[in-house]
Amino acid sequence: VEFKILVVADTQLWTDQIENKKCYEE
């Protein structure tokens, strides 16, 4: 009935693996 598009913005994955992990979890 619906079509849903999820927009992901500015994840900016970089050298900080802890932050990258948090981003993936989000």
mmCIF file of all heavy atoms, coordinates in Angstrom:
data_MODEL
# 
_entry.id   MODEL 
# 
loop_
_atom_site.group_PDB 
_atom_site.id 
_atom_site.type_symbol 
_atom_site.label_atom_id 
_atom_site.label_alt_id 
_atom_site.label_comp_id 
_atom_site.label_asym_id 
_atom_site.label_entity_id 
_atom_site.label_seq_id 
_atom_site.pdbx_PDB_ins_code 
_atom_site.Cartn_x 
_atom_site.Cartn_y 
_atom_site.Cartn_z 
_atom_site.occupancy 
_atom_site.B_iso_or_equiv 
_atom_site.pdbx_formal_charge 
_atom_site.auth_seq_id 
_atom_site.auth_comp_id 
_atom_site.auth_asym_id 
_atom_site.auth_atom_id 
_atom_site.pdbx_PDB_model_num 
ATOM 1   N N   . VAL A 1 1  ? 0.840  -1.198 0.000  1.00 0.00 ? 1  VAL A N   1 
ATOM 2   C CA  . VAL A 1 1  ? 0.000  0.000  0.000  1.00 0.00 ? 1  VAL A CA  1 
ATOM 3   C C   . VAL A 1 1  ? 0.873  1.245  0.000  1.00 0.00 ? 1  VAL A C   1 
ATOM 4   O O   . VAL A 1 1  ? 0.554  2.243  -0.647 1.00 0.00 ? 1  VAL A O   1 
ATOM 5   C CB  . VAL A 1 1  ? -0.935 -0.001 1.230  1.00 0.00 ? 1  VAL A CB  1 
ATOM 6   C CG1 . VAL A 1 1  ? -1.733 1.302  1.310  1.00 0.00 ? 1  VAL A CG1 1 
ATOM 7   C CG2 . VAL A 1 1  ? -1.881 -1.193 1.181  1.00 0.00 ? 1  VAL A CG2 1 
ATOM 8   N N   . GLU A 1 2  ? 1.990  1.178  0.739  1.00 0.00 ? 2  GLU A N   1 
ATOM 9   C CA  . GLU A 1 2  ? 2.922  2.289  0.817  1.00 0.00 ? 2  GLU A CA  1 
ATOM 10  C C   . GLU A 1 2  ? 4.280  1.898  0.220  1.00 0.00 ? 2  GLU A C   1 
ATOM 11  O O   . GLU A 1 2  ? 4.607  0.713  0.139  1.00 0.00 ? 2  GLU A O   1 
ATOM 12  C CB  . GLU A 1 2  ? 3.137  2.726  2.272  1.00 0.00 ? 2  GLU A CB  1 
ATOM 13  C CG  . GLU A 1 2  ? 1.902  3.254  2.966  1.00 0.00 ? 2  GLU A CG  1 
ATOM 14  C CD  . GLU A 1 2  ? 2.188  3.663  4.392  1.00 0.00 ? 2  GLU A CD  1 
ATOM 15  O OE1 . GLU A 1 2  ? 3.086  3.064  5.021  1.00 0.00 ? 2  GLU A OE1 1 
ATOM 16  O OE2 . GLU A 1 2  ? 1.502  4.577  4.885  1.00 0.00 ? 2  GLU A OE2 1 
ATOM 17  N N   . PHE A 1 3  ? 5.037  2.920  -0.165 1.00 0.00 ? 3  PHE A N   1 
ATOM 18  C CA  . PHE A 1 3  ? 6.420  2.714  -0.578 1.00 0.00 ? 3  PHE A CA  1 
ATOM 19  C C   . PHE A 1 3  ? 7.267  3.674  0.242  1.00 0.00 ? 3  PHE A C   1 
ATOM 20  O O   . PHE A 1 3  ? 7.060  4.894  0.210  1.00 0.00 ? 3  PHE A O   1 
ATOM 21  C CB  . PHE A 1 3  ? 6.610  2.990  -2.074 1.00 0.00 ? 3  PHE A CB  1 
ATOM 22  C CG  . PHE A 1 3  ? 7.977  2.643  -2.582 1.00 0.00 ? 3  PHE A CG  1 
ATOM 23  C CD1 . PHE A 1 3  ? 8.248  1.372  -3.063 1.00 0.00 ? 3  PHE A CD1 1 
ATOM 24  C CD2 . PHE A 1 3  ? 9.006  3.573  -2.565 1.00 0.00 ? 3  PHE A CD2 1 
ATOM 25  C CE1 . PHE A 1 3  ? 9.521  1.034  -3.540 1.00 0.00 ? 3  PHE A CE1 1 
ATOM 26  C CE2 . PHE A 1 3  ? 10.278 3.255  -3.027 1.00 0.00 ? 3  PHE A CE2 1 
ATOM 27  C CZ  . PHE A 1 3  ? 10.532 1.976  -3.510 1.00 0.00 ? 3  PHE A CZ  1 
ATOM 28  N N   . LYS A 1 4  ? 8.218  3.116  1.001  1.00 0.00 ? 4  LYS A N   1 
ATOM 29  C CA  . LYS A 1 4  ? 8.996  3.925  1.930  1.00 0.00 ? 4  LYS A CA  1 
ATOM 30  C C   . LYS A 1 4  ? 10.463 4.034  1.499  1.00 0.00 ? 4  LYS A C   1 
ATOM 31  O O   . LYS A 1 4  ? 11.126 3.030  1.268  1.00 0.00 ? 4  LYS A O   1 
ATOM 32  C CB  . LYS A 1 4  ? 8.902  3.325  3.338  1.00 0.00 ? 4  LYS A CB  1 
ATOM 33  C CG  . LYS A 1 4  ? 7.499  3.398  3.929  1.00 0.00 ? 4  LYS A CG  1 
ATOM 34  C CD  . LYS A 1 4  ? 7.433  2.886  5.352  1.00 0.00 ? 4  LYS A CD  1 
ATOM 35  C CE  . LYS A 1 4  ? 7.594  1.393  5.435  1.00 0.00 ? 4  LYS A CE  1 
ATOM 36  N NZ  . LYS A 1 4  ? 7.397  0.882  6.795  1.00 0.00 ? 4  LYS A NZ  1 
ATOM 37  N N   . ILE A 1 5  ? 10.922 5.280  1.414  1.00 0.00 ? 5  ILE A N   1 
ATOM 38  C CA  . ILE A 1 5  ? 12.312 5.573  1.075  1.00 0.00 ? 5  ILE A CA  1 
ATOM 39  C C   . ILE A 1 5  ? 12.993 6.145  2.307  1.00 0.00 ? 5  ILE A C   1 
ATOM 40  O O   . ILE A 1 5  ? 12.563 7.168  2.849  1.00 0.00 ? 5  ILE A O   1 
ATOM 41  C CB  . ILE A 1 5  ? 12.410 6.595  -0.072 1.00 0.00 ? 5  ILE A CB  1 
ATOM 42  C CG1 . ILE A 1 5  ? 11.664 6.097  -1.311 1.00 0.00 ? 5  ILE A CG1 1 
ATOM 43  C CG2 . ILE A 1 5  ? 13.873 6.884  -0.405 1.00 0.00 ? 5  ILE A CG2 1 
ATOM 44  C CD1 . ILE A 1 5  ? 11.495 7.158  -2.390 1.00 0.00 ? 5  ILE A CD1 1 
ATOM 45  N N   . LEU A 1 6  ? 14.032 5.493  2.767  1.00 0.00 ? 6  LEU A N   1 
ATOM 46  C CA  . LEU A 1 6  ? 14.802 5.991  3.900  1.00 0.00 ? 6  LEU A CA  1 
ATOM 47  C C   . LEU A 1 6  ? 15.993 6.783  3.374  1.00 0.00 ? 6  LEU A C   1 
ATOM 48  O O   . LEU A 1 6  ? 16.810 6.258  2.619  1.00 0.00 ? 6  LEU A O   1 
ATOM 49  C CB  . LEU A 1 6  ? 15.294 4.829  4.771  1.00 0.00 ? 6  LEU A CB  1 
ATOM 50  C CG  . LEU A 1 6  ? 16.217 5.198  5.939  1.00 0.00 ? 6  LEU A CG  1 
ATOM 51  C CD1 . LEU A 1 6  ? 15.505 6.110  6.931  1.00 0.00 ? 6  LEU A CD1 1 
ATOM 52  C CD2 . LEU A 1 6  ? 16.733 3.932  6.640  1.00 0.00 ? 6  LEU A CD2 1 
ATOM 53  N N   . VAL A 1 7  ? 16.078 8.048  3.780  1.00 0.00 ? 7  VAL A N   1 
ATOM 54  C CA  . VAL A 1 7  ? 17.186 8.906  3.362  1.00 0.00 ? 7  VAL A CA  1 
ATOM 55  C C   . VAL A 1 7  ? 18.234 8.938  4.466  1.00 0.00 ? 7  VAL A C   1 
ATOM 56  O O   . VAL A 1 7  ? 17.942 9.311  5.614  1.00 0.00 ? 7  VAL A O   1 
ATOM 57  C CB  . VAL A 1 7  ? 16.709 10.341 3.059  1.00 0.00 ? 7  VAL A CB  1 
ATOM 58  C CG1 . VAL A 1 7  ? 17.888 11.204 2.601  1.00 0.00 ? 7  VAL A CG1 1 
ATOM 59  C CG2 . VAL A 1 7  ? 15.620 10.322 1.995  1.00 0.00 ? 7  VAL A CG2 1 
ATOM 60  N N   . VAL A 1 8  ? 19.450 8.526  4.128  1.00 0.00 ? 8  VAL A N   1 
ATOM 61  C CA  . VAL A 1 8  ? 20.583 8.531  5.055  1.00 0.00 ? 8  VAL A CA  1 
ATOM 62  C C   . VAL A 1 8  ? 21.521 9.663  4.638  1.00 0.00 ? 8  VAL A C   1 
ATOM 63  O O   . VAL A 1 8  ? 21.881 9.769  3.467  1.00 0.00 ? 8  VAL A O   1 
ATOM 64  C CB  . VAL A 1 8  ? 21.315 7.168  5.013  1.00 0.00 ? 8  VAL A CB  1 
ATOM 65  C CG1 . VAL A 1 8  ? 22.600 7.216  5.819  1.00 0.00 ? 8  VAL A CG1 1 
ATOM 66  C CG2 . VAL A 1 8  ? 20.399 6.065  5.532  1.00 0.00 ? 8  VAL A CG2 1 
ATOM 67  N N   . ALA A 1 9  ? 21.907 10.502 5.599  1.00 0.00 ? 9  ALA A N   1 
ATOM 68  C CA  . ALA A 1 9  ? 22.680 11.698 5.243  1.00 0.00 ? 9  ALA A CA  1 
ATOM 69  C C   . ALA A 1 9  ? 23.977 11.820 6.020  1.00 0.00 ? 9  ALA A C   1 
ATOM 70  O O   . ALA A 1 9  ? 24.001 11.647 7.240  1.00 0.00 ? 9  ALA A O   1 
ATOM 71  C CB  . ALA A 1 9  ? 21.831 12.957 5.486  1.00 0.00 ? 9  ALA A CB  1 
ATOM 72  N N   . ASP A 1 10 ? 25.055 12.105 5.307  1.00 0.00 ? 10 ASP A N   1 
ATOM 73  C CA  . ASP A 1 10 ? 26.327 12.516 5.907  1.00 0.00 ? 10 ASP A CA  1 
ATOM 74  C C   . ASP A 1 10 ? 26.826 11.562 6.996  1.00 0.00 ? 10 ASP A C   1 
ATOM 75  O O   . ASP A 1 10 ? 27.194 11.993 8.093  1.00 0.00 ? 10 ASP A O   1 
ATOM 76  C CB  . ASP A 1 10 ? 26.200 13.933 6.485  1.00 0.00 ? 10 ASP A CB  1 
ATOM 77  C CG  . ASP A 1 10 ? 25.902 14.960 5.414  1.00 0.00 ? 10 ASP A CG  1 
ATOM 78  O OD1 . ASP A 1 10 ? 26.860 15.506 4.832  1.00 0.00 ? 10 ASP A OD1 1 
ATOM 79  O OD2 . ASP A 1 10 ? 24.713 15.224 5.138  1.00 0.00 ? 10 ASP A OD2 1 
ATOM 80  N N   . THR A 1 11 ? 26.881 10.295 6.689  1.00 0.00 ? 11 THR A N   1 
ATOM 81  C CA  . THR A 1 11 ? 27.435 9.339  7.657  1.00 0.00 ? 11 THR A CA  1 
ATOM 82  C C   . THR A 1 11 ? 28.909 9.620  7.935  1.00 0.00 ? 11 THR A C   1 
ATOM 83  O O   . THR A 1 11 ? 29.407 9.381  9.038  1.00 0.00 ? 11 THR A O   1 
ATOM 84  C CB  . THR A 1 11 ? 27.278 7.901  7.137  1.00 0.00 ? 11 THR A CB  1 
ATOM 85  O OG1 . THR A 1 11 ? 27.717 7.826  5.779  1.00 0.00 ? 11 THR A OG1 1 
ATOM 86  C CG2 . THR A 1 11 ? 25.827 7.452  7.208  1.00 0.00 ? 11 THR A CG2 1 
ATOM 87  N N   . GLN A 1 12 ? 29.619 10.091 6.942  1.00 0.00 ? 12 GLN A N   1 
ATOM 88  C CA  . GLN A 1 12 ? 31.026 10.497 7.047  1.00 0.00 ? 12 GLN A CA  1 
ATOM 89  C C   . GLN A 1 12 ? 31.888 9.520  7.863  1.00 0.00 ? 12 GLN A C   1 
ATOM 90  O O   . GLN A 1 12 ? 32.596 9.904  8.795  1.00 0.00 ? 12 GLN A O   1 
ATOM 91  C CB  . GLN A 1 12 ? 31.138 11.914 7.621  1.00 0.00 ? 12 GLN A CB  1 
ATOM 92  C CG  . GLN A 1 12 ? 31.104 12.944 6.522  1.00 0.00 ? 12 GLN A CG  1 
ATOM 93  C CD  . GLN A 1 12 ? 31.445 14.347 6.961  1.00 0.00 ? 12 GLN A CD  1 
ATOM 94  O OE1 . GLN A 1 12 ? 30.606 15.225 6.882  1.00 0.00 ? 12 GLN A OE1 1 
ATOM 95  N NE2 . GLN A 1 12 ? 32.656 14.585 7.388  1.00 0.00 ? 12 GLN A NE2 1 
ATOM 96  N N   . LEU A 1 13 ? 31.821 8.257  7.516  1.00 0.00 ? 13 LEU A N   1 
ATOM 97  C CA  . LEU A 1 13 ? 32.652 7.240  8.165  1.00 0.00 ? 13 LEU A CA  1 
ATOM 98  C C   . LEU A 1 13 ? 34.117 7.583  7.936  1.00 0.00 ? 13 LEU A C   1 
ATOM 99  O O   . LEU A 1 13 ? 34.518 7.937  6.833  1.00 0.00 ? 13 LEU A O   1 
ATOM 100 C CB  . LEU A 1 13 ? 32.312 5.872  7.582  1.00 0.00 ? 13 LEU A CB  1 
ATOM 101 C CG  . LEU A 1 13 ? 30.842 5.475  7.799  1.00 0.00 ? 13 LEU A CG  1 
ATOM 102 C CD1 . LEU A 1 13 ? 30.444 4.372  6.848  1.00 0.00 ? 13 LEU A CD1 1 
ATOM 103 C CD2 . LEU A 1 13 ? 30.601 5.068  9.240  1.00 0.00 ? 13 LEU A CD2 1 
ATOM 104 N N   . TRP A 1 14 ? 34.937 7.454  8.990  1.00 0.00 ? 14 TRP A N   1 
ATOM 105 C CA  . TRP A 1 14 ? 36.327 7.886  8.856  1.00 0.00 ? 14 TRP A CA  1 
ATOM 106 C C   . TRP A 1 14 ? 37.241 7.038  9.718  1.00 0.00 ? 14 TRP A C   1 
ATOM 107 O O   . TRP A 1 14 ? 37.003 5.858  9.907  1.00 0.00 ? 14 TRP A O   1 
ATOM 108 C CB  . TRP A 1 14 ? 36.449 9.378  9.132  1.00 0.00 ? 14 TRP A CB  1 
ATOM 109 C CG  . TRP A 1 14 ? 36.167 9.812  10.557 1.00 0.00 ? 14 TRP A CG  1 
ATOM 110 C CD1 . TRP A 1 14 ? 35.234 9.300  11.411 1.00 0.00 ? 14 TRP A CD1 1 
ATOM 111 C CD2 . TRP A 1 14 ? 36.838 10.845 11.274 1.00 0.00 ? 14 TRP A CD2 1 
ATOM 112 N NE1 . TRP A 1 14 ? 35.265 9.942  12.615 1.00 0.00 ? 14 TRP A NE1 1 
ATOM 113 C CE2 . TRP A 1 14 ? 36.238 10.901 12.561 1.00 0.00 ? 14 TRP A CE2 1 
ATOM 114 C CE3 . TRP A 1 14 ? 37.850 11.726 10.964 1.00 0.00 ? 14 TRP A CE3 1 
ATOM 115 C CZ2 . TRP A 1 14 ? 36.659 11.819 13.536 1.00 0.00 ? 14 TRP A CZ2 1 
ATOM 116 C CZ3 . TRP A 1 14 ? 38.252 12.640 11.937 1.00 0.00 ? 14 TRP A CZ3 1 
ATOM 117 C CH2 . TRP A 1 14 ? 37.659 12.681 13.199 1.00 0.00 ? 14 TRP A CH2 1 
ATOM 118 N N   . THR A 1 15 ? 38.303 7.632  10.254 1.00 0.00 ? 15 THR A N   1 
ATOM 119 C CA  . THR A 1 15 ? 39.333 6.859  10.948 1.00 0.00 ? 15 THR A CA  1 
ATOM 120 C C   . THR A 1 15 ? 38.935 6.407  12.337 1.00 0.00 ? 15 THR A C   1 
ATOM 121 O O   . THR A 1 15 ? 39.559 5.504  12.886 1.00 0.00 ? 15 THR A O   1 
ATOM 122 C CB  . THR A 1 15 ? 40.628 7.693  11.056 1.00 0.00 ? 15 THR A CB  1 
ATOM 123 O OG1 . THR A 1 15 ? 40.314 8.965  11.618 1.00 0.00 ? 15 THR A OG1 1 
ATOM 124 C CG2 . THR A 1 15 ? 41.253 7.900  9.691  1.00 0.00 ? 15 THR A CG2 1 
ATOM 125 N N   . ASP A 1 16 ? 37.939 7.022  12.944 1.00 0.00 ? 16 ASP A N   1 
ATOM 126 C CA  . ASP A 1 16 ? 37.517 6.650  14.293 1.00 0.00 ? 16 ASP A CA  1 
ATOM 127 C C   . ASP A 1 16 ? 36.551 5.465  14.222 1.00 0.00 ? 16 ASP A C   1 
ATOM 128 O O   . ASP A 1 16 ? 35.359 5.632  13.945 1.00 0.00 ? 16 ASP A O   1 
ATOM 129 C CB  . ASP A 1 16 ? 36.855 7.844  14.983 1.00 0.00 ? 16 ASP A CB  1 
ATOM 130 C CG  . ASP A 1 16 ? 36.641 7.622  16.474 1.00 0.00 ? 16 ASP A CG  1 
ATOM 131 O OD1 . ASP A 1 16 ? 36.312 6.484  16.860 1.00 0.00 ? 16 ASP A OD1 1 
ATOM 132 O OD2 . ASP A 1 16 ? 36.817 8.580  17.247 1.00 0.00 ? 16 ASP A OD2 1 
ATOM 133 N N   . GLN A 1 17 ? 37.066 4.275  14.506 1.00 0.00 ? 17 GLN A N   1 
ATOM 134 C CA  . GLN A 1 17 ? 36.257 3.065  14.375 1.00 0.00 ? 17 GLN A CA  1 
ATOM 135 C C   . GLN A 1 17 ? 35.138 2.989  15.412 1.00 0.00 ? 17 GLN A C   1 
ATOM 136 O O   . GLN A 1 17 ? 34.108 2.337  15.186 1.00 0.00 ? 17 GLN A O   1 
ATOM 137 C CB  . GLN A 1 17 ? 37.156 1.832  14.471 1.00 0.00 ? 17 GLN A CB  1 
ATOM 138 C CG  . GLN A 1 17 ? 38.217 1.754  13.391 1.00 0.00 ? 17 GLN A CG  1 
ATOM 139 C CD  . GLN A 1 17 ? 37.627 1.837  11.997 1.00 0.00 ? 17 GLN A CD  1 
ATOM 140 O OE1 . GLN A 1 17 ? 36.670 1.147  11.657 1.00 0.00 ? 17 GLN A OE1 1 
ATOM 141 N NE2 . GLN A 1 17 ? 38.196 2.712  11.159 1.00 0.00 ? 17 GLN A NE2 1 
ATOM 142 N N   . ILE A 1 18 ? 35.318 3.643  16.549 1.00 0.00 ? 18 ILE A N   1 
ATOM 143 C CA  . ILE A 1 18 ? 34.268 3.653  17.571 1.00 0.00 ? 18 ILE A CA  1 
ATOM 144 C C   . ILE A 1 18 ? 33.063 4.436  17.061 1.00 0.00 ? 18 ILE A C   1 
ATOM 145 O O   . ILE A 1 18 ? 31.911 3.993  17.185 1.00 0.00 ? 18 ILE A O   1 
ATOM 146 C CB  . ILE A 1 18 ? 34.803 4.265  18.889 1.00 0.00 ? 18 ILE A CB  1 
ATOM 147 C CG1 . ILE A 1 18 ? 35.889 3.366  19.482 1.00 0.00 ? 18 ILE A CG1 1 
ATOM 148 C CG2 . ILE A 1 18 ? 33.658 4.447  19.897 1.00 0.00 ? 18 ILE A CG2 1 
ATOM 149 C CD1 . ILE A 1 18 ? 36.540 3.932  20.728 1.00 0.00 ? 18 ILE A CD1 1 
ATOM 150 N N   . GLU A 1 19 ? 33.331 5.599  16.459 1.00 0.00 ? 19 GLU A N   1 
ATOM 151 C CA  . GLU A 1 19 ? 32.244 6.390  15.895 1.00 0.00 ? 19 GLU A CA  1 
ATOM 152 C C   . GLU A 1 19 ? 31.594 5.675  14.712 1.00 0.00 ? 19 GLU A C   1 
ATOM 153 O O   . GLU A 1 19 ? 30.374 5.716  14.532 1.00 0.00 ? 19 GLU A O   1 
ATOM 154 C CB  . GLU A 1 19 ? 32.763 7.758  15.456 1.00 0.00 ? 19 GLU A CB  1 
ATOM 155 C CG  . GLU A 1 19 ? 33.113 8.670  16.614 1.00 0.00 ? 19 GLU A CG  1 
ATOM 156 C CD  . GLU A 1 19 ? 33.668 10.001 16.142 1.00 0.00 ? 19 GLU A CD  1 
ATOM 157 O OE1 . GLU A 1 19 ? 33.414 10.388 14.992 1.00 0.00 ? 19 GLU A OE1 1 
ATOM 158 O OE2 . GLU A 1 19 ? 34.374 10.652 16.931 1.00 0.00 ? 19 GLU A OE2 1 
ATOM 159 N N   . ASN A 1 20 ? 32.408 5.022  13.897 1.00 0.00 ? 20 ASN A N   1 
ATOM 160 C CA  . ASN A 1 20 ? 31.869 4.268  12.768 1.00 0.00 ? 20 ASN A CA  1 
ATOM 161 C C   . ASN A 1 20 ? 30.912 3.182  13.251 1.00 0.00 ? 20 ASN A C   1 
ATOM 162 O O   . ASN A 1 20 ? 29.844 2.970  12.672 1.00 0.00 ? 20 ASN A O   1 
ATOM 163 C CB  . ASN A 1 20 ? 33.000 3.635  11.963 1.00 0.00 ? 20 ASN A CB  1 
ATOM 164 C CG  . ASN A 1 20 ? 33.822 4.660  11.201 1.00 0.00 ? 20 ASN A CG  1 
ATOM 165 O OD1 . ASN A 1 20 ? 33.494 5.846  11.191 1.00 0.00 ? 20 ASN A OD1 1 
ATOM 166 N ND2 . ASN A 1 20 ? 34.889 4.215  10.576 1.00 0.00 ? 20 ASN A ND2 1 
ATOM 167 N N   . LYS A 1 21 ? 31.287 2.507  14.320 1.00 0.00 ? 21 LYS A N   1 
ATOM 168 C CA  . LYS A 1 21 ? 30.448 1.448  14.885 1.00 0.00 ? 21 LYS A CA  1 
ATOM 169 C C   . LYS A 1 21 ? 29.106 2.021  15.360 1.00 0.00 ? 21 LYS A C   1 
ATOM 170 O O   . LYS A 1 21 ? 28.046 1.431  15.130 1.00 0.00 ? 21 LYS A O   1 
ATOM 171 C CB  . LYS A 1 21 ? 31.175 0.762  16.038 1.00 0.00 ? 21 LYS A CB  1 
ATOM 172 C CG  . LYS A 1 21 ? 30.432 -0.421 16.658 1.00 0.00 ? 21 LYS A CG  1 
ATOM 173 C CD  . LYS A 1 21 ? 31.312 -1.121 17.690 1.00 0.00 ? 21 LYS A CD  1 
ATOM 174 C CE  . LYS A 1 21 ? 30.613 -2.337 18.281 1.00 0.00 ? 21 LYS A CE  1 
ATOM 175 N NZ  . LYS A 1 21 ? 29.436 -1.966 19.107 1.00 0.00 ? 21 LYS A NZ  1 
ATOM 176 N N   . LYS A 1 22 ? 29.169 3.186  15.994 1.00 0.00 ? 22 LYS A N   1 
ATOM 177 C CA  . LYS A 1 22 ? 27.938 3.829  16.465 1.00 0.00 ? 22 LYS A CA  1 
ATOM 178 C C   . LYS A 1 22 ? 27.046 4.215  15.285 1.00 0.00 ? 22 LYS A C   1 
ATOM 179 O O   . LYS A 1 22 ? 25.818 4.106  15.351 1.00 0.00 ? 22 LYS A O   1 
ATOM 180 C CB  . LYS A 1 22 ? 28.277 5.072  17.284 1.00 0.00 ? 22 LYS A CB  1 
ATOM 181 C CG  . LYS A 1 22 ? 28.904 4.776  18.644 1.00 0.00 ? 22 LYS A CG  1 
ATOM 182 C CD  . LYS A 1 22 ? 29.230 6.065  19.377 1.00 0.00 ? 22 LYS A CD  1 
ATOM 183 C CE  . LYS A 1 22 ? 29.872 5.798  20.740 1.00 0.00 ? 22 LYS A CE  1 
ATOM 184 N NZ  . LYS A 1 22 ? 30.251 7.060  21.433 1.00 0.00 ? 22 LYS A NZ  1 
ATOM 185 N N   . CYS A 1 23 ? 27.675 4.650  14.206 1.00 0.00 ? 23 CYS A N   1 
ATOM 186 C CA  . CYS A 1 23 ? 26.917 5.017  13.013 1.00 0.00 ? 23 CYS A CA  1 
ATOM 187 C C   . CYS A 1 23 ? 26.213 3.799  12.421 1.00 0.00 ? 23 CYS A C   1 
ATOM 188 O O   . CYS A 1 23 ? 25.023 3.863  12.073 1.00 0.00 ? 23 CYS A O   1 
ATOM 189 C CB  . CYS A 1 23 ? 27.840 5.643  11.977 1.00 0.00 ? 23 CYS A CB  1 
ATOM 190 S SG  . CYS A 1 23 ? 26.981 6.182  10.475 1.00 0.00 ? 23 CYS A SG  1 
ATOM 191 N N   . TYR A 1 24 ? 26.931 2.704  12.315 1.00 0.00 ? 24 TYR A N   1 
ATOM 192 C CA  . TYR A 1 24 ? 26.326 1.479  11.785 1.00 0.00 ? 24 TYR A CA  1 
ATOM 193 C C   . TYR A 1 24 ? 25.187 0.999  12.671 1.00 0.00 ? 24 TYR A C   1 
ATOM 194 O O   . TYR A 1 24 ? 24.150 0.522  12.183 1.00 0.00 ? 24 TYR A O   1 
ATOM 195 C CB  . TYR A 1 24 ? 27.388 0.388  11.645 1.00 0.00 ? 24 TYR A CB  1 
ATOM 196 C CG  . TYR A 1 24 ? 28.313 0.574  10.458 1.00 0.00 ? 24 TYR A CG  1 
ATOM 197 C CD1 . TYR A 1 24 ? 29.675 0.320  10.557 1.00 0.00 ? 24 TYR A CD1 1 
ATOM 198 C CD2 . TYR A 1 24 ? 27.807 1.001  9.230  1.00 0.00 ? 24 TYR A CD2 1 
ATOM 199 C CE1 . TYR A 1 24 ? 30.522 0.482  9.471  1.00 0.00 ? 24 TYR A CE1 1 
ATOM 200 C CE2 . TYR A 1 24 ? 28.648 1.164  8.139  1.00 0.00 ? 24 TYR A CE2 1 
ATOM 201 C CZ  . TYR A 1 24 ? 30.000 0.910  8.257  1.00 0.00 ? 24 TYR A CZ  1 
ATOM 202 O OH  . TYR A 1 24 ? 30.828 1.072  7.179  1.00 0.00 ? 24 TYR A OH  1 
ATOM 203 N N   . GLU A 1 25 ? 25.357 1.132  13.972 1.00 0.00 ? 25 GLU A N   1 
ATOM 204 C CA  . GLU A 1 25 ? 24.298 0.736  14.906 1.00 0.00 ? 25 GLU A CA  1 
ATOM 205 C C   . GLU A 1 25 ? 23.064 1.616  14.716 1.00 0.00 ? 25 GLU A C   1 
ATOM 206 O O   . GLU A 1 25 ? 21.926 1.141  14.788 1.00 0.00 ? 25 GLU A O   1 
ATOM 207 C CB  . GLU A 1 25 ? 24.798 0.826  16.353 1.00 0.00 ? 25 GLU A CB  1 
ATOM 208 C CG  . GLU A 1 25 ? 25.823 -0.252 16.707 1.00 0.00 ? 25 GLU A CG  1 
ATOM 209 C CD  . GLU A 1 25 ? 26.458 -0.043 18.075 1.00 0.00 ? 25 GLU A CD  1 
ATOM 210 O OE1 . GLU A 1 25 ? 26.265 1.057  18.667 1.00 0.00 ? 25 GLU A OE1 1 
ATOM 211 O OE2 . GLU A 1 25 ? 27.154 -0.962 18.553 1.00 0.00 ? 25 GLU A OE2 1 
ATOM 212 N N   . GLU A 1 26 ? 23.306 2.917  14.468 1.00 0.00 ? 26 GLU A N   1 
ATOM 213 C CA  . GLU A 1 26 ? 22.194 3.835  14.225 1.00 0.00 ? 26 GLU A CA  1 
ATOM 214 C C   . GLU A 1 26 ? 21.481 3.479  12.928 1.00 0.00 ? 26 GLU A C   1 
ATOM 215 O O   . GLU A 1 26 ? 20.246 3.516  12.847 1.00 0.00 ? 26 GLU A O   1 
ATOM 216 C CB  . GLU A 1 26 ? 22.713 5.274  14.174 1.00 0.00 ? 26 GLU A CB  1 
ATOM 217 C CG  . GLU A 1 26 ? 21.622 6.316  14.144 1.00 0.00 ? 26 GLU A CG  1 
ATOM 218 C CD  . GLU A 1 26 ? 22.128 7.705  14.498 1.00 0.00 ? 26 GLU A CD  1 
ATOM 219 O OE1 . GLU A 1 26 ? 22.559 7.918  15.653 1.00 0.00 ? 26 GLU A OE1 1 
ATOM 220 O OE2 . GLU A 1 26 ? 22.078 8.583  13.614 1.00 0.00 ? 26 GLU A OE2 1 
# 
